[in-house]
Amino acid sequence: MTVLPILYVVDDDADLGSSVARLLTRNGYAATAFVEPHALLDTHRAEPAACVVTDIMMGETDGFMLADQLRVLDAHVALIFMTAWPTTANAVDSVRRYGGLDYLEKPIDEARLLAAVSEGVAWSASQRAVARRTEALTQRERQVFDLLVRGYSNKAIAAELDLSAKTIENHRSAIVAKTGANGLAQLMALSPARR
């Protein structure tokens, strides 16, 4: 049985939100529309979505405030913003400050929305897979990992952490075993700073 990617749409215009959710459902996603951002957050806690499509201008909690709350709750959810009142400042903020994948103007270009959602679902799946591969690292292994992917040699890491080079080699071996990486390039690909 194929599990459909979960998507949430939030817009204070119930008809528009439902229309976007129906479009996404017709295109192979399990999409649910919300009018209230808080209801979306409650649902996301119980069943995380791969991607959230949110209006920017909504009552008390705008799309950017929702993005901040979602990032605290789940760093691996993809965000797509939409608005009827586009501005250059909001477009820049949506990507730089809030990590959005796209900034869509209403009325929504369906092909662009579907392309952004497809990219978002793939990005979210990749981020969640990386998180699963690195979550087993101990605190010390995480410190070694962070220095490795920043280009530090074993000797430099040993000096930085006040440990022996042999201890760093042991940590490095454990990191490789736990993540399944086949070398430094693959370890770098697992680093949050590099994604």
Protein backbone atom coordinates (compact mmCIF):
# COMPACT_ATOMS: atom_id res chain seq x y z
CA MET A 1 0.00 0.00 0.00
CA THR A 2 1.37 3.38 -1.03
CA VAL A 3 1.44 6.04 1.64
CA LEU A 4 0.59 9.43 0.20
CA PRO A 5 2.68 12.41 1.32
CA ILE A 6 0.79 14.53 3.86
CA LEU A 7 0.28 18.19 3.01
CA TYR A 8 -1.47 20.93 4.95
CA VAL A 9 -2.91 24.11 3.49
CA VAL A 10 -3.84 27.07 5.66
CA ASP A 11 -5.73 30.12 4.46
CA ASP A 12 -8.28 32.28 6.25
CA ASP A 13 -10.32 32.09 3.02
CA ALA A 14 -11.89 28.66 3.59
CA ASP A 15 -12.96 28.27 -0.04
CA LEU A 16 -9.50 29.01 -1.40
CA GLY A 17 -7.78 26.73 1.12
CA SER A 18 -10.18 23.89 0.30
CA SER A 19 -9.70 24.47 -3.42
CA VAL A 20 -5.89 24.23 -3.09
CA ALA A 21 -6.22 21.08 -0.92
CA ARG A 22 -8.52 19.47 -3.53
CA LEU A 23 -6.02 20.26 -6.30
CA LEU A 24 -3.23 18.64 -4.29
CA THR A 25 -5.39 15.60 -3.48
CA ARG A 26 -6.19 15.14 -7.17
CA ASN A 27 -2.45 15.11 -7.82
CA GLY A 28 -1.55 12.30 -5.42
CA TYR A 29 -1.20 13.94 -2.02
CA ALA A 30 -3.10 13.55 1.25
CA ALA A 31 -3.98 17.23 1.61
CA THR A 32 -6.04 18.86 4.38
CA ALA A 33 -7.16 22.48 4.50
CA PHE A 34 -7.24 24.62 7.64
CA VAL A 35 -8.67 28.06 8.32
CA GLU A 36 -6.89 28.49 11.66
CA PRO A 37 -3.09 28.17 11.95
CA HIS A 38 -3.43 26.85 15.51
CA ALA A 39 -5.55 23.93 14.30
CA LEU A 40 -2.87 23.11 11.73
CA LEU A 41 -0.17 23.17 14.43
CA ASP A 42 -2.20 20.82 16.65
CA THR A 43 -2.70 18.40 13.76
CA HIS A 44 0.96 18.65 12.72
CA ARG A 45 2.07 17.66 16.22
CA ALA A 46 0.07 14.43 15.92
CA GLU A 47 0.77 13.76 12.23
CA PRO A 48 3.62 15.78 10.70
CA ALA A 49 3.19 16.95 7.13
CA ALA A 50 5.91 16.85 4.52
CA CYS A 51 4.87 20.27 3.26
CA VAL A 52 2.72 23.20 4.43
CA VAL A 53 1.24 25.71 2.00
CA THR A 54 0.32 28.86 3.90
CA ASP A 55 -1.22 32.21 3.18
CA ILE A 56 0.85 35.09 4.52
CA MET A 57 -1.85 37.54 5.61
CA MET A 58 -4.20 35.86 8.10
CA GLY A 59 -5.73 37.33 11.26
CA GLU A 60 -3.71 37.11 14.47
CA THR A 61 -1.18 34.57 13.25
CA ASP A 62 0.20 35.42 9.83
CA GLY A 63 2.04 32.94 7.62
CA PHE A 64 5.44 34.06 8.84
CA MET A 65 4.51 33.62 12.51
CA LEU A 66 3.17 30.18 11.61
CA ALA A 67 6.48 29.39 9.86
CA ASP A 68 8.40 30.29 13.03
CA GLN A 69 6.14 28.05 15.12
CA LEU A 70 6.41 25.18 12.63
CA ARG A 71 10.22 25.40 12.53
CA VAL A 72 10.35 25.05 16.33
CA LEU A 73 8.00 22.09 16.12
CA ASP A 74 9.54 20.45 13.04
CA ALA A 75 12.68 21.65 11.26
CA HIS A 76 12.06 19.22 8.41
CA VAL A 77 8.71 20.45 7.08
CA ALA A 78 8.83 22.24 3.72
CA LEU A 79 7.10 25.63 3.55
CA ILE A 80 5.45 27.31 0.59
CA PHE A 81 3.97 30.79 0.98
CA MET A 82 1.11 32.31 -0.99
CA THR A 83 -0.36 35.80 -0.98
CA ALA A 84 -2.81 38.07 -2.75
CA TRP A 85 -0.64 41.07 -1.81
CA PRO A 86 2.90 40.29 -3.04
CA THR A 87 5.82 42.52 -2.10
CA THR A 88 9.51 42.15 -2.83
CA ALA A 89 10.33 42.37 0.89
CA ASN A 90 7.95 39.52 1.73
CA ALA A 91 9.26 37.43 -1.16
CA VAL A 92 12.83 37.82 0.10
CA ASP A 93 11.82 37.20 3.74
CA SER A 94 9.84 34.09 2.82
CA VAL A 95 13.01 32.44 1.54
CA ARG A 96 15.82 33.98 3.59
CA ARG A 97 14.23 34.38 7.01
CA TYR A 98 11.58 31.66 6.99
CA GLY A 99 13.10 28.96 4.77
CA GLY A 100 10.28 28.88 2.24
CA LEU A 101 10.74 26.99 -0.99
CA ASP A 102 8.50 29.30 -2.99
CA TYR A 103 6.43 32.47 -2.77
CA LEU A 104 3.29 32.24 -4.90
CA GLU A 105 0.98 35.04 -5.93
CA LYS A 106 -2.78 34.49 -5.92
CA PRO A 107 -4.51 33.43 -8.03
CA ILE A 108 -2.24 30.42 -7.76
CA ASP A 109 -0.43 29.11 -10.83
CA GLU A 110 -1.32 25.41 -10.47
CA ALA A 111 1.74 24.09 -12.33
CA ARG A 112 4.10 26.19 -10.22
CA LEU A 113 2.34 25.12 -7.00
CA LEU A 114 2.58 21.45 -7.96
CA ALA A 115 6.27 21.81 -8.86
CA ALA A 116 6.99 23.56 -5.54
CA VAL A 117 5.07 20.93 -3.57
CA SER A 118 6.90 18.11 -5.35
CA GLU A 119 10.23 19.76 -4.50
CA GLY A 120 9.06 20.33 -0.91
CA VAL A 121 8.02 16.72 -0.39
CA ALA A 122 11.37 15.48 -1.73
CA TRP A 123 13.29 17.99 0.43
CA SER A 124 11.35 17.02 3.56
CA ALA A 125 11.90 13.30 2.96
CA SER A 126 15.63 13.92 2.49
CA GLN A 127 15.87 16.02 5.67
CA ARG A 128 14.01 13.41 7.72
CA ALA A 129 16.27 10.64 6.38
CA VAL A 130 19.38 12.63 7.31
CA ALA A 131 18.00 13.31 10.80
CA ARG A 132 17.35 9.58 11.32
CA ARG A 133 20.93 8.77 10.29
CA THR A 134 22.51 11.28 12.69
CA GLU A 135 20.17 11.06 15.69
CA ALA A 136 22.05 8.10 17.21
CA LEU A 137 25.26 10.12 17.64
CA THR A 138 26.34 10.77 21.21
CA GLN A 139 27.04 14.34 22.30
CA ARG A 140 30.80 13.82 21.89
CA GLU A 141 30.35 12.15 18.50
CA ARG A 142 28.22 15.13 17.45
CA GLN A 143 31.04 17.49 18.44
CA VAL A 144 33.54 15.44 16.43
CA PHE A 145 31.11 15.21 13.51
CA ASP A 146 30.56 18.99 13.47
CA LEU A 147 34.31 19.64 13.38
CA LEU A 148 34.92 16.95 10.73
CA VAL A 149 32.42 18.46 8.32
CA ARG A 150 33.98 21.90 8.88
CA GLY A 151 37.24 20.49 7.52
CA TYR A 152 39.17 19.88 10.72
CA SER A 153 41.76 17.07 10.66
CA ASN A 154 41.73 14.39 13.37
CA LYS A 155 44.75 16.10 14.96
CA ALA A 156 43.02 19.52 14.96
CA ILE A 157 39.85 18.01 16.43
CA ALA A 158 41.89 16.32 19.15
CA ALA A 159 43.49 19.65 20.03
CA GLU A 160 40.16 21.50 19.93
CA LEU A 161 38.42 18.98 22.20
CA ASP A 162 41.47 18.25 24.35
CA LEU A 163 41.39 14.53 23.47
CA SER A 164 43.91 12.10 22.02
CA ALA A 165 44.10 11.51 18.28
CA LYS A 166 43.29 7.82 18.92
CA THR A 167 40.07 8.82 20.72
CA ILE A 168 39.10 10.99 17.75
CA GLU A 169 39.77 8.06 15.39
CA ASN A 170 37.48 5.89 17.53
CA HIS A 171 34.74 8.54 17.48
CA ARG A 172 35.15 8.95 13.75
CA SER A 173 34.75 5.19 13.26
CA ALA A 174 31.60 5.21 15.40
CA ILE A 175 30.19 8.13 13.40
CA VAL A 176 30.79 6.34 10.11
CA ALA A 177 29.21 3.14 11.47
CA LYS A 178 26.14 4.91 12.87
CA THR A 179 25.49 7.07 9.80
CA GLY A 180 26.42 4.55 7.14
CA ALA A 181 28.57 7.17 5.42
CA ASN A 182 31.39 5.97 3.18
CA GLY A 183 33.71 8.90 3.74
CA LEU A 184 34.05 12.58 4.47
CA ALA A 185 32.01 13.70 1.44
CA GLN A 186 29.01 11.67 2.59
CA LEU A 187 29.44 12.91 6.17
CA MET A 188 29.46 16.48 4.86
CA ALA A 189 26.21 15.81 3.04
CA LEU A 190 24.66 14.86 6.41
CA SER A 191 25.67 18.14 8.04
CA PRO A 192 22.81 20.61 8.70
CA ALA A 193 25.12 23.48 7.80
CA ARG A 194 25.64 21.98 4.35
CA ARG A 195 22.00 21.22 3.51
